[in-house]
Amino acid sequence: MSRYFTEDHEWIEVEGQTGTVGISDYAQGQLGDIVFVEAPDSGRSLSKGDEAAVVESVKAASDVYAPVSGTVTEGNPALADEPSLVNSDPEGEGWFFKLTLSDPSELEALMDETAYAAFVAKL
């Protein structure tokens, strides 16, 4: 599995043609306590950069963007009852949605974990 990051603080972990998407630990720290997550519906087609999900915290509401193009296969059902999973495990159980990649070459424009850590360190 490979994990990639965007400058908007989304991550995508890729296994075969399937990508799991969430927000980074840095992003959840900036948002504060997460109170609501709206994940995209299964079957929805997304283009890279599309607004894919919404996350609301006690501080603000933010859009979550699709890091790559693809078709949503599932949203994380656990987030409906327990949105705080995004705070406690943002890069694990707090994932937002899974999709089937339509253009894996789009991953080349994203950062690996080392590059993302350097990017965040400059913020």
N, C-alpha and C. Protein backbone atom coordinates (compact mmCIF):
# COMPACT_ATOMS: atom_id res chain seq x y z
N MET A 1 0.84 -1.19 0.00
CA MET A 1 0.00 0.00 0.00
C MET A 1 0.88 1.24 0.00
N SER A 2 0.41 2.24 -0.71
CA SER A 2 1.12 3.51 -0.76
C SER A 2 0.19 4.60 -0.26
N ARG A 3 0.76 5.55 0.48
CA ARG A 3 -0.02 6.67 0.99
C ARG A 3 0.52 7.96 0.41
N TYR A 4 -0.43 8.82 -0.02
CA TYR A 4 -0.09 10.10 -0.62
C TYR A 4 -0.89 11.20 0.08
N PHE A 5 -0.39 12.44 -0.03
CA PHE A 5 -1.03 13.59 0.61
C PHE A 5 -1.20 14.73 -0.39
N THR A 6 -2.21 15.58 -0.13
CA THR A 6 -2.43 16.78 -0.94
C THR A 6 -2.05 18.01 -0.13
N GLU A 7 -1.93 19.13 -0.81
CA GLU A 7 -1.66 20.39 -0.11
C GLU A 7 -2.87 20.86 0.69
N ASP A 8 -4.05 20.28 0.43
CA ASP A 8 -5.25 20.59 1.20
C ASP A 8 -5.41 19.66 2.40
N HIS A 9 -4.40 18.84 2.66
CA HIS A 9 -4.31 17.96 3.84
C HIS A 9 -5.22 16.74 3.78
N GLU A 10 -5.58 16.29 2.57
CA GLU A 10 -6.22 14.99 2.43
C GLU A 10 -5.11 13.95 2.25
N TRP A 11 -5.41 12.73 2.66
CA TRP A 11 -4.52 11.61 2.36
C TRP A 11 -5.31 10.58 1.57
N ILE A 12 -4.58 9.80 0.79
CA ILE A 12 -5.17 8.67 0.09
C ILE A 12 -4.20 7.50 0.21
N GLU A 13 -4.75 6.38 0.64
CA GLU A 13 -3.95 5.16 0.72
C GLU A 13 -4.45 4.24 -0.39
N VAL A 14 -3.52 3.80 -1.23
CA VAL A 14 -3.90 3.06 -2.43
C VAL A 14 -3.46 1.61 -2.32
N GLU A 15 -4.41 0.72 -2.61
CA GLU A 15 -4.14 -0.71 -2.70
C GLU A 15 -4.81 -1.19 -3.97
N GLY A 16 -3.99 -1.57 -4.95
CA GLY A 16 -4.54 -1.94 -6.26
C GLY A 16 -5.18 -0.73 -6.90
N GLN A 17 -6.47 -0.86 -7.27
CA GLN A 17 -7.21 0.25 -7.89
C GLN A 17 -8.11 0.98 -6.89
N THR A 18 -8.00 0.63 -5.60
CA THR A 18 -8.86 1.21 -4.58
C THR A 18 -8.09 2.20 -3.73
N GLY A 19 -8.67 3.37 -3.54
CA GLY A 19 -8.08 4.39 -2.67
C GLY A 19 -9.00 4.67 -1.50
N THR A 20 -8.40 4.76 -0.30
CA THR A 20 -9.12 5.16 0.90
C THR A 20 -8.69 6.58 1.22
N VAL A 21 -9.66 7.48 1.44
CA VAL A 21 -9.38 8.91 1.59
C VAL A 21 -9.81 9.41 2.97
N GLY A 22 -8.97 10.28 3.52
CA GLY A 22 -9.29 10.93 4.79
C GLY A 22 -8.54 12.24 4.89
N ILE A 23 -8.58 12.85 6.08
CA ILE A 23 -7.81 14.07 6.30
C ILE A 23 -6.66 13.75 7.24
N SER A 24 -5.60 14.54 7.11
CA SER A 24 -4.39 14.28 7.87
C SER A 24 -4.55 14.65 9.35
N ASP A 25 -3.62 14.15 10.15
CA ASP A 25 -3.59 14.49 11.56
C ASP A 25 -3.44 16.01 11.73
N TYR A 26 -2.64 16.62 10.87
CA TYR A 26 -2.48 18.08 10.92
C TYR A 26 -3.84 18.77 10.71
N ALA A 27 -4.59 18.32 9.71
CA ALA A 27 -5.89 18.94 9.41
C ALA A 27 -6.86 18.81 10.56
N GLN A 28 -6.96 17.62 11.15
CA GLN A 28 -7.92 17.47 12.25
C GLN A 28 -7.50 18.31 13.44
N GLY A 29 -6.19 18.49 13.63
CA GLY A 29 -5.71 19.34 14.71
C GLY A 29 -6.09 20.79 14.50
N GLN A 30 -6.07 21.24 13.24
CA GLN A 30 -6.46 22.61 12.92
C GLN A 30 -7.96 22.82 13.08
N LEU A 31 -8.74 21.79 12.77
CA LEU A 31 -10.20 21.90 12.86
C LEU A 31 -10.71 21.88 14.29
N GLY A 32 -10.05 21.11 15.15
CA GLY A 32 -10.55 20.94 16.51
C GLY A 32 -11.53 19.79 16.57
N ASP A 33 -12.40 19.81 17.57
CA ASP A 33 -13.32 18.69 17.80
C ASP A 33 -14.31 18.55 16.66
N ILE A 34 -14.27 17.40 15.98
CA ILE A 34 -15.16 17.11 14.85
C ILE A 34 -16.52 16.70 15.39
N VAL A 35 -17.58 17.35 14.87
CA VAL A 35 -18.93 17.06 15.35
C VAL A 35 -19.83 16.45 14.27
N PHE A 36 -19.41 16.53 12.99
CA PHE A 36 -20.25 16.01 11.91
C PHE A 36 -19.39 15.76 10.69
N VAL A 37 -19.68 14.65 10.01
CA VAL A 37 -19.01 14.33 8.74
C VAL A 37 -20.08 13.90 7.75
N GLU A 38 -20.03 14.48 6.55
CA GLU A 38 -20.91 14.05 5.46
C GLU A 38 -20.03 13.45 4.37
N ALA A 39 -20.10 12.14 4.24
CA ALA A 39 -19.31 11.43 3.23
C ALA A 39 -20.11 11.34 1.93
N PRO A 40 -19.41 11.18 0.80
CA PRO A 40 -20.14 11.08 -0.48
C PRO A 40 -20.87 9.74 -0.60
N ASP A 41 -21.90 9.73 -1.43
CA ASP A 41 -22.68 8.51 -1.66
C ASP A 41 -21.94 7.56 -2.59
N SER A 42 -22.15 6.27 -2.37
CA SER A 42 -21.60 5.25 -3.27
C SER A 42 -22.10 5.49 -4.68
N GLY A 43 -21.22 5.27 -5.65
CA GLY A 43 -21.59 5.44 -7.05
C GLY A 43 -21.31 6.83 -7.59
N ARG A 44 -21.01 7.78 -6.70
CA ARG A 44 -20.74 9.15 -7.15
C ARG A 44 -19.39 9.21 -7.86
N SER A 45 -19.38 9.83 -9.02
CA SER A 45 -18.13 10.03 -9.77
C SER A 45 -17.50 11.34 -9.33
N LEU A 46 -16.20 11.28 -9.05
CA LEU A 46 -15.47 12.47 -8.62
C LEU A 46 -14.30 12.71 -9.55
N SER A 47 -14.05 13.97 -9.83
CA SER A 47 -12.84 14.36 -10.54
C SER A 47 -11.87 14.91 -9.51
N LYS A 48 -10.59 14.80 -9.81
CA LYS A 48 -9.57 15.30 -8.90
C LYS A 48 -9.89 16.76 -8.56
N GLY A 49 -9.91 17.08 -7.27
CA GLY A 49 -10.18 18.44 -6.83
C GLY A 49 -11.64 18.73 -6.53
N ASP A 50 -12.55 17.82 -6.87
CA ASP A 50 -13.96 18.02 -6.57
C ASP A 50 -14.20 18.02 -5.06
N GLU A 51 -15.22 18.78 -4.64
CA GLU A 51 -15.66 18.70 -3.25
C GLU A 51 -16.31 17.34 -3.08
N ALA A 52 -15.75 16.54 -2.16
CA ALA A 52 -16.22 15.17 -2.01
C ALA A 52 -16.98 14.94 -0.72
N ALA A 53 -16.58 15.62 0.35
CA ALA A 53 -17.18 15.41 1.65
C ALA A 53 -17.15 16.73 2.41
N VAL A 54 -17.88 16.76 3.52
CA VAL A 54 -17.89 17.93 4.40
C VAL A 54 -17.56 17.46 5.81
N VAL A 55 -16.72 18.22 6.48
CA VAL A 55 -16.40 17.94 7.87
C VAL A 55 -16.67 19.21 8.67
N GLU A 56 -17.41 19.05 9.77
CA GLU A 56 -17.72 20.20 10.61
C GLU A 56 -17.12 19.97 11.99
N SER A 57 -16.53 21.05 12.51
CA SER A 57 -15.99 21.00 13.86
C SER A 57 -16.66 22.09 14.68
N VAL A 58 -16.28 22.17 15.95
CA VAL A 58 -16.82 23.24 16.78
C VAL A 58 -16.33 24.60 16.29
N LYS A 59 -15.24 24.62 15.51
CA LYS A 59 -14.67 25.87 15.00
C LYS A 59 -15.20 26.26 13.62
N ALA A 60 -15.32 25.28 12.71
CA ALA A 60 -15.60 25.62 11.31
C ALA A 60 -16.11 24.41 10.55
N ALA A 61 -16.63 24.68 9.35
CA ALA A 61 -16.98 23.61 8.41
C ALA A 61 -15.98 23.69 7.26
N SER A 62 -15.54 22.54 6.79
CA SER A 62 -14.57 22.50 5.71
C SER A 62 -14.96 21.44 4.69
N ASP A 63 -14.60 21.71 3.44
CA ASP A 63 -14.79 20.71 2.40
C ASP A 63 -13.58 19.79 2.38
N VAL A 64 -13.85 18.55 2.00
CA VAL A 64 -12.79 17.58 1.77
C VAL A 64 -12.80 17.32 0.27
N TYR A 65 -11.66 17.46 -0.37
CA TYR A 65 -11.57 17.36 -1.82
C TYR A 65 -11.05 16.00 -2.25
N ALA A 66 -11.48 15.57 -3.42
CA ALA A 66 -11.01 14.30 -3.98
C ALA A 66 -9.55 14.47 -4.41
N PRO A 67 -8.64 13.67 -3.84
CA PRO A 67 -7.24 13.78 -4.23
C PRO A 67 -6.96 13.25 -5.63
N VAL A 68 -7.83 12.38 -6.12
CA VAL A 68 -7.72 11.81 -7.46
C VAL A 68 -9.14 11.60 -8.00
N SER A 69 -9.24 11.30 -9.28
CA SER A 69 -10.53 11.01 -9.90
C SER A 69 -10.91 9.55 -9.66
N GLY A 70 -12.21 9.32 -9.55
CA GLY A 70 -12.67 7.95 -9.39
C GLY A 70 -14.14 7.89 -9.04
N THR A 71 -14.61 6.67 -8.76
CA THR A 71 -16.00 6.44 -8.39
C THR A 71 -16.04 5.95 -6.95
N VAL A 72 -16.85 6.62 -6.14
CA VAL A 72 -16.98 6.27 -4.73
C VAL A 72 -17.59 4.87 -4.60
N THR A 73 -16.94 4.02 -3.80
CA THR A 73 -17.48 2.68 -3.55
C THR A 73 -18.16 2.60 -2.19
N GLU A 74 -17.73 3.44 -1.24
CA GLU A 74 -18.40 3.48 0.06
C GLU A 74 -17.93 4.68 0.87
N GLY A 75 -18.84 5.16 1.72
CA GLY A 75 -18.50 6.14 2.74
C GLY A 75 -18.26 5.40 4.04
N ASN A 76 -17.59 6.01 4.97
CA ASN A 76 -17.32 5.36 6.26
C ASN A 76 -18.57 5.46 7.13
N PRO A 77 -19.30 4.34 7.32
CA PRO A 77 -20.55 4.40 8.08
C PRO A 77 -20.33 4.73 9.55
N ALA A 78 -19.16 4.45 10.09
CA ALA A 78 -18.89 4.71 11.51
C ALA A 78 -18.91 6.20 11.83
N LEU A 79 -18.61 7.05 10.84
CA LEU A 79 -18.54 8.48 11.11
C LEU A 79 -19.89 9.11 11.38
N ALA A 80 -20.97 8.49 10.92
CA ALA A 80 -22.30 9.03 11.18
C ALA A 80 -22.60 9.04 12.68
N ASP A 81 -22.21 7.98 13.36
CA ASP A 81 -22.47 7.86 14.79
C ASP A 81 -21.32 8.39 15.64
N GLU A 82 -20.12 8.36 15.08
CA GLU A 82 -18.94 8.72 15.87
C GLU A 82 -17.96 9.58 15.04
N PRO A 83 -18.35 10.84 14.73
CA PRO A 83 -17.47 11.70 13.93
C PRO A 83 -16.14 11.98 14.62
N SER A 84 -16.08 11.80 15.94
CA SER A 84 -14.84 12.05 16.68
C SER A 84 -13.72 11.07 16.30
N LEU A 85 -14.07 10.00 15.56
CA LEU A 85 -13.03 9.09 15.05
C LEU A 85 -12.01 9.86 14.20
N VAL A 86 -12.46 10.94 13.56
CA VAL A 86 -11.56 11.75 12.75
C VAL A 86 -10.50 12.39 13.64
N ASN A 87 -10.87 12.73 14.87
CA ASN A 87 -9.90 13.30 15.81
C ASN A 87 -9.00 12.22 16.41
N SER A 88 -9.59 11.11 16.81
CA SER A 88 -8.82 10.10 17.52
C SER A 88 -7.95 9.24 16.61
N ASP A 89 -8.36 9.05 15.36
CA ASP A 89 -7.60 8.20 14.44
C ASP A 89 -7.77 8.71 13.00
N PRO A 90 -7.29 9.95 12.72
CA PRO A 90 -7.57 10.58 11.43
C PRO A 90 -6.98 9.83 10.23
N GLU A 91 -5.88 9.14 10.45
CA GLU A 91 -5.24 8.45 9.33
C GLU A 91 -5.43 6.94 9.43
N GLY A 92 -6.52 6.55 10.11
CA GLY A 92 -6.86 5.14 10.25
C GLY A 92 -8.37 4.97 10.19
N GLU A 93 -8.98 4.66 11.35
CA GLU A 93 -10.43 4.39 11.41
C GLU A 93 -11.27 5.61 11.07
N GLY A 94 -10.68 6.81 11.05
CA GLY A 94 -11.42 8.02 10.74
C GLY A 94 -11.43 8.37 9.26
N TRP A 95 -11.22 7.38 8.39
CA TRP A 95 -11.27 7.62 6.94
C TRP A 95 -12.68 8.07 6.53
N PHE A 96 -12.76 8.77 5.39
CA PHE A 96 -14.03 9.34 4.93
C PHE A 96 -14.71 8.49 3.88
N PHE A 97 -13.97 8.09 2.84
CA PHE A 97 -14.60 7.31 1.77
C PHE A 97 -13.55 6.51 1.01
N LYS A 98 -14.04 5.54 0.27
CA LYS A 98 -13.19 4.73 -0.61
C LYS A 98 -13.67 4.94 -2.04
N LEU A 99 -12.72 4.88 -2.96
CA LEU A 99 -13.10 5.02 -4.37
C LEU A 99 -12.23 4.12 -5.24
N THR A 100 -12.76 3.84 -6.43
CA THR A 100 -12.00 3.12 -7.45
C THR A 100 -11.34 4.18 -8.33
N LEU A 101 -10.02 4.14 -8.42
CA LEU A 101 -9.28 5.13 -9.19
C LEU A 101 -9.58 5.00 -10.67
N SER A 102 -9.83 6.13 -11.33
CA SER A 102 -10.06 6.09 -12.77
C SER A 102 -8.79 6.49 -13.53
N ASP A 103 -7.85 7.17 -12.85
CA ASP A 103 -6.60 7.58 -13.50
C ASP A 103 -5.46 7.54 -12.48
N PRO A 104 -4.87 6.35 -12.27
CA PRO A 104 -3.82 6.22 -11.26
C PRO A 104 -2.62 7.14 -11.48
N SER A 105 -2.43 7.65 -12.70
CA SER A 105 -1.30 8.55 -12.95
C SER A 105 -1.45 9.86 -12.16
N GLU A 106 -2.67 10.19 -11.72
CA GLU A 106 -2.87 11.41 -10.93
C GLU A 106 -2.13 11.35 -9.59
N LEU A 107 -1.83 10.15 -9.13
CA LEU A 107 -1.11 10.00 -7.87
C LEU A 107 0.28 10.63 -7.93
N GLU A 108 0.85 10.70 -9.13
CA GLU A 108 2.20 11.23 -9.29
C GLU A 108 2.31 12.69 -8.88
N ALA A 109 1.21 13.43 -8.90
CA ALA A 109 1.22 14.85 -8.54
C ALA A 109 1.11 15.06 -7.03
N LEU A 110 0.88 13.99 -6.26
CA LEU A 110 0.69 14.11 -4.82
C LEU A 110 2.02 13.92 -4.08
N MET A 111 2.03 14.28 -2.80
CA MET A 111 3.23 14.15 -1.98
C MET A 111 3.25 12.82 -1.24
N ASP A 112 4.46 12.28 -1.05
CA ASP A 112 4.59 11.12 -0.18
C ASP A 112 4.67 11.63 1.27
N GLU A 113 4.77 10.71 2.23
CA GLU A 113 4.73 11.11 3.64
C GLU A 113 5.88 12.04 4.00
N THR A 114 7.07 11.80 3.45
CA THR A 114 8.24 12.62 3.75
C THR A 114 8.03 14.04 3.22
N ALA A 115 7.58 14.16 1.98
CA ALA A 115 7.35 15.47 1.38
C ALA A 115 6.23 16.21 2.12
N TYR A 116 5.20 15.48 2.53
CA TYR A 116 4.09 16.13 3.25
C TYR A 116 4.57 16.64 4.61
N ALA A 117 5.37 15.87 5.31
CA ALA A 117 5.90 16.31 6.60
C ALA A 117 6.72 17.59 6.44
N ALA A 118 7.50 17.68 5.38
CA ALA A 118 8.28 18.88 5.11
C ALA A 118 7.36 20.06 4.78
N PHE A 119 6.29 19.78 4.03
CA PHE A 119 5.31 20.81 3.66
C PHE A 119 4.65 21.38 4.92
N VAL A 120 4.19 20.51 5.82
CA VAL A 120 3.50 20.93 7.03
C VAL A 120 4.46 21.71 7.95
N ALA A 121 5.71 21.31 7.98
CA ALA A 121 6.69 21.97 8.84
C ALA A 121 6.88 23.44 8.46
N LYS A 122 6.58 23.79 7.22
CA LYS A 122 6.73 25.17 6.76
C LYS A 122 5.49 26.03 7.01
N LEU A 123 4.40 25.43 7.47
CA LEU A 123 3.15 26.17 7.67
C LEU A 123 3.17 26.95 8.98
